[in-house]
């Protein structure tokens, strides 16, 4: 026999469990359901690159380069998957005279250490360096959008963690550093791919390190 009061009680219990779970996620700072972690903090699963010398895992972060020796050349640790439309978030920290960046919608250059494509740039400098700039790595080889130096100088925390947010939707790319938008760019060249790999760079140069952690992606339609 159908018992409405019993069904209502079950529904009330289910809703309570769901709400309790949502509250726990909020308090714990967990990612939204659509936001997926790209780095488990312990292994290079899902990534490929020079994990023998150029990149290592330390304190739950991916570290490119070393403070003990010069970085011989540009190196990139890249996802094994391609992505098109997404919101990528990563906490980044630079030590030493570092130059680095996050590649998006990029491609590996065949038989080479370089990667070709868009880069959310960053580097150490008193004026904020290249933080928040959009660069075209090994393709047009130029800054597509220069971030406002005064704006980025106020936003960036030197020698500390900074949150980079990269939003790609169709031909439109937007960059933000610590919640401050620095780039709103629309690609007009129809030949430029709107999908590709994601890569973490350490630039060749003097002893320096680029740290990356809490790397998440939310894929968009």
Protein backbone atom coordinates (compact mmCIF):
# COMPACT_ATOMS: atom_id res chain seq x y z
CA UNK A 1 0.00 0.00 0.00
CA UNK A 2 1.26 3.50 -0.88
CA UNK A 3 2.14 5.54 2.20
CA UNK A 4 2.61 9.26 1.38
CA UNK A 5 4.00 10.09 4.83
CA UNK A 6 6.70 7.39 4.45
CA UNK A 7 7.74 8.70 1.00
CA UNK A 8 7.92 12.26 2.28
CA UNK A 9 10.13 11.14 5.15
CA UNK A 10 12.54 9.44 2.74
CA UNK A 11 12.69 12.53 0.53
CA UNK A 12 13.36 14.74 3.54
CA UNK A 13 16.24 12.49 4.59
CA UNK A 14 17.73 12.47 1.08
CA UNK A 15 17.58 16.25 0.84
CA UNK A 16 19.23 16.54 4.25
CA UNK A 17 22.10 14.31 3.15
CA UNK A 18 22.62 16.34 -0.05
CA UNK A 19 22.57 19.66 1.79
CA UNK A 20 24.98 18.33 4.42
CA UNK A 21 27.38 17.22 1.68
CA UNK A 22 27.20 20.64 -0.02
CA UNK A 23 27.94 22.40 3.26
CA UNK A 24 30.94 20.14 3.93
CA UNK A 25 32.31 20.86 0.44
CA UNK A 26 31.91 24.60 0.96
CA UNK A 27 33.63 24.58 4.35
CA UNK A 28 36.44 22.42 3.04
CA UNK A 29 36.99 24.66 0.02
CA UNK A 30 36.42 21.75 -2.36
CA UNK A 31 36.10 22.33 -6.09
CA UNK A 32 32.67 22.67 -7.75
CA UNK A 33 31.37 19.41 -9.31
CA UNK A 34 32.33 20.52 -12.85
CA UNK A 35 35.82 21.58 -11.79
CA UNK A 36 38.33 18.73 -12.18
CA UNK A 37 41.85 18.57 -10.77
CA UNK A 38 44.59 18.12 -13.38
CA UNK A 39 47.30 17.34 -10.81
CA UNK A 40 46.93 14.95 -7.89
CA UNK A 41 49.84 16.48 -5.95
CA UNK A 42 51.77 13.21 -5.93
CA UNK A 43 52.41 12.00 -9.49
CA UNK A 44 52.72 13.13 -13.11
CA UNK A 45 49.68 11.11 -14.14
CA UNK A 46 48.07 12.82 -17.13
CA UNK A 47 51.24 14.81 -17.91
CA UNK A 48 54.29 14.27 -20.11
CA UNK A 49 57.65 16.02 -20.38
CA UNK A 50 61.14 16.02 -18.92
CA UNK A 51 60.22 14.68 -15.49
CA UNK A 52 63.72 13.35 -14.99
CA UNK A 53 65.60 16.67 -14.82
CA UNK A 54 63.47 19.73 -15.60
CA UNK A 55 60.37 19.02 -13.50
CA UNK A 56 59.81 17.45 -10.09
CA UNK A 57 57.08 17.23 -7.46
CA UNK A 58 57.71 18.94 -4.13
CA UNK A 59 55.31 19.85 -1.30
CA UNK A 60 52.29 18.99 -3.43
CA UNK A 61 53.39 21.22 -6.32
CA UNK A 62 54.98 20.80 -9.74
CA UNK A 63 58.34 22.56 -9.77
CA UNK A 64 60.19 23.49 -12.94
CA UNK A 65 63.88 24.42 -12.82
CA UNK A 66 66.26 24.66 -9.88
CA UNK A 67 67.83 27.30 -7.66
CA UNK A 68 71.05 25.27 -7.65
CA UNK A 69 71.91 25.44 -11.36
CA UNK A 70 71.04 27.36 -14.56
CA UNK A 71 68.09 26.15 -16.63
CA UNK A 72 69.67 25.00 -19.93
CA UNK A 73 66.66 25.65 -22.18
CA UNK A 74 62.90 26.13 -22.28
CA UNK A 75 61.05 23.07 -21.04
CA UNK A 76 57.34 22.29 -20.90
CA UNK A 77 55.35 19.76 -18.92
CA UNK A 78 52.18 19.14 -20.93
CA UNK A 79 48.85 17.40 -20.54
CA UNK A 80 48.33 14.24 -22.53
CA UNK A 81 44.80 15.44 -23.36
CA UNK A 82 43.67 18.29 -25.59
CA UNK A 83 41.18 20.91 -24.40
CA UNK A 84 39.06 23.47 -26.27
CA UNK A 85 36.70 25.61 -24.16
CA UNK A 86 37.46 25.79 -20.45
CA UNK A 87 38.29 27.75 -17.33
CA UNK A 88 41.74 26.82 -16.04
CA UNK A 89 42.90 27.86 -12.58
CA UNK A 90 46.35 27.37 -11.09
CA UNK A 91 48.33 28.80 -8.21
CA UNK A 92 51.80 29.86 -9.39
CA UNK A 93 54.96 31.05 -7.67
CA UNK A 94 58.28 32.22 -9.17
CA UNK A 95 61.64 32.16 -7.41
CA UNK A 96 64.85 33.71 -8.64
CA UNK A 97 65.02 35.60 -11.96
CA UNK A 98 62.34 33.27 -13.28
CA UNK A 99 60.45 33.44 -16.55
CA UNK A 100 57.61 30.98 -17.05
CA UNK A 101 54.05 30.61 -18.25
CA UNK A 102 51.03 28.41 -18.81
CA UNK A 103 50.47 27.18 -22.36
CA UNK A 104 46.89 26.86 -23.59
CA UNK A 105 45.50 25.51 -26.86
CA UNK A 106 49.06 24.60 -27.79
CA UNK A 107 50.88 21.89 -29.76
CA UNK A 108 54.20 20.13 -29.24
CA UNK A 109 56.77 21.13 -31.87
CA UNK A 110 57.81 17.79 -33.48
CA UNK A 111 61.26 16.52 -32.44
CA UNK A 112 61.85 19.64 -30.34
CA UNK A 113 61.60 20.81 -26.73
CA UNK A 114 59.43 23.80 -27.68
CA UNK A 115 55.64 24.15 -27.60
CA UNK A 116 53.69 26.35 -30.02
CA UNK A 117 50.61 28.30 -28.98
CA UNK A 118 49.08 30.80 -26.58
CA UNK A 119 50.83 31.41 -23.27
CA UNK A 120 49.61 33.10 -20.10
CA UNK A 121 52.98 34.68 -19.37
CA UNK A 122 54.75 35.46 -16.10
CA UNK A 123 58.19 36.61 -15.00
CA UNK A 124 59.94 38.22 -12.05
CA UNK A 125 60.48 41.99 -12.20
CA UNK A 126 59.89 45.01 -9.99
CA UNK A 127 57.11 46.22 -12.29
CA UNK A 128 55.36 42.85 -12.37
CA UNK A 129 57.26 41.61 -15.42
CA UNK A 130 55.16 39.65 -17.89
CA UNK A 131 52.55 38.53 -15.39
CA UNK A 132 49.08 38.72 -16.95
CA UNK A 133 50.33 39.12 -20.53
CA UNK A 134 49.19 36.93 -23.44
CA UNK A 135 52.16 35.70 -25.50
CA UNK A 136 52.24 33.60 -28.68
CA UNK A 137 54.99 31.04 -28.07
CA UNK A 138 57.01 29.66 -31.03
CA UNK A 139 54.37 30.80 -33.52
CA UNK A 140 54.00 34.56 -33.95
CA UNK A 141 56.62 35.03 -31.19
CA UNK A 142 55.17 38.24 -29.81
CA UNK A 143 53.06 39.60 -26.97
CA UNK A 144 49.48 39.68 -28.23
CA UNK A 145 48.21 41.67 -25.25
CA UNK A 146 50.40 43.58 -22.79
CA UNK A 147 48.98 43.73 -19.28
CA UNK A 148 48.76 47.15 -17.65
CA UNK A 149 51.99 47.41 -15.62
CA UNK A 150 50.53 49.53 -12.81
CA UNK A 151 47.56 47.18 -12.49
CA UNK A 152 49.64 44.01 -12.43
CA UNK A 153 52.23 45.44 -10.04
CA UNK A 154 49.46 45.93 -7.48
CA UNK A 155 47.93 42.49 -8.12
CA UNK A 156 51.02 40.24 -8.08
CA UNK A 157 52.57 39.00 -4.83
CA UNK A 158 56.34 38.57 -5.46
CA UNK A 159 57.91 35.29 -4.27
CA UNK A 160 54.48 34.08 -3.21
CA UNK A 161 51.53 32.16 -4.61
CA UNK A 162 49.38 33.93 -7.21
CA UNK A 163 46.14 32.63 -8.70
CA UNK A 164 46.06 32.56 -12.50
CA UNK A 165 42.66 32.12 -14.13
CA UNK A 166 42.45 31.45 -17.88
CA UNK A 167 39.10 31.40 -19.66
CA UNK A 168 38.86 30.15 -23.26
CA UNK A 169 35.51 30.32 -25.06
CA UNK A 170 35.61 30.07 -28.84
CA UNK A 171 38.03 32.68 -30.20
CA UNK A 172 37.87 34.70 -26.96
CA UNK A 173 40.61 34.37 -24.31
CA UNK A 174 40.60 36.11 -20.92
CA UNK A 175 43.32 36.15 -18.28
CA UNK A 176 43.10 37.18 -14.63
CA UNK A 177 45.72 37.30 -11.88
CA UNK A 178 44.49 37.24 -8.27
CA UNK A 179 41.03 38.24 -9.48
CA UNK A 180 42.26 41.16 -11.60
CA UNK A 181 41.49 40.77 -15.31
CA UNK A 182 44.51 41.63 -17.47
CA UNK A 183 43.56 40.31 -20.92
CA UNK A 184 40.39 40.13 -23.00
CA UNK A 185 41.51 38.98 -26.44
CA UNK A 186 39.61 37.70 -29.46
CA UNK A 187 41.57 35.73 -32.07
CA UNK A 188 40.74 36.85 -35.62
CA UNK A 189 42.96 34.42 -37.54
CA UNK A 190 40.79 31.47 -38.55
CA UNK A 191 43.90 29.30 -39.00
CA UNK A 192 44.78 29.43 -35.28
CA UNK A 193 43.60 26.22 -33.52
CA UNK A 194 40.91 26.64 -30.86
CA UNK A 195 42.00 23.50 -29.00
CA UNK A 196 45.22 21.90 -27.83
CA UNK A 197 47.32 20.84 -24.88
CA UNK A 198 47.95 22.69 -21.63
CA UNK A 199 51.59 23.15 -20.64
CA UNK A 200 53.64 24.44 -17.71
CA UNK A 201 56.84 26.24 -18.68
CA UNK A 202 60.18 26.92 -17.09
CA UNK A 203 62.21 29.30 -19.26
CA UNK A 204 65.90 28.78 -19.95
CA UNK A 205 68.21 31.08 -17.98
CA UNK A 206 69.84 31.52 -14.61
CA UNK A 207 68.99 29.43 -11.53
CA UNK A 208 65.26 29.83 -10.98
CA UNK A 209 62.08 27.90 -10.20
CA UNK A 210 58.45 27.99 -11.34
CA UNK A 211 55.99 26.34 -8.93
CA UNK A 212 52.47 25.22 -9.90
CA UNK A 213 49.79 23.74 -7.63
CA UNK A 214 46.00 23.35 -7.27
CA UNK A 215 45.63 23.07 -11.05
CA UNK A 216 41.98 22.66 -11.99
CA UNK A 217 39.94 22.83 -15.16
CA UNK A 218 36.24 23.37 -15.79
CA UNK A 219 35.37 22.36 -19.34
CA UNK A 220 32.77 24.54 -21.07
CA UNK A 221 30.36 23.69 -23.92
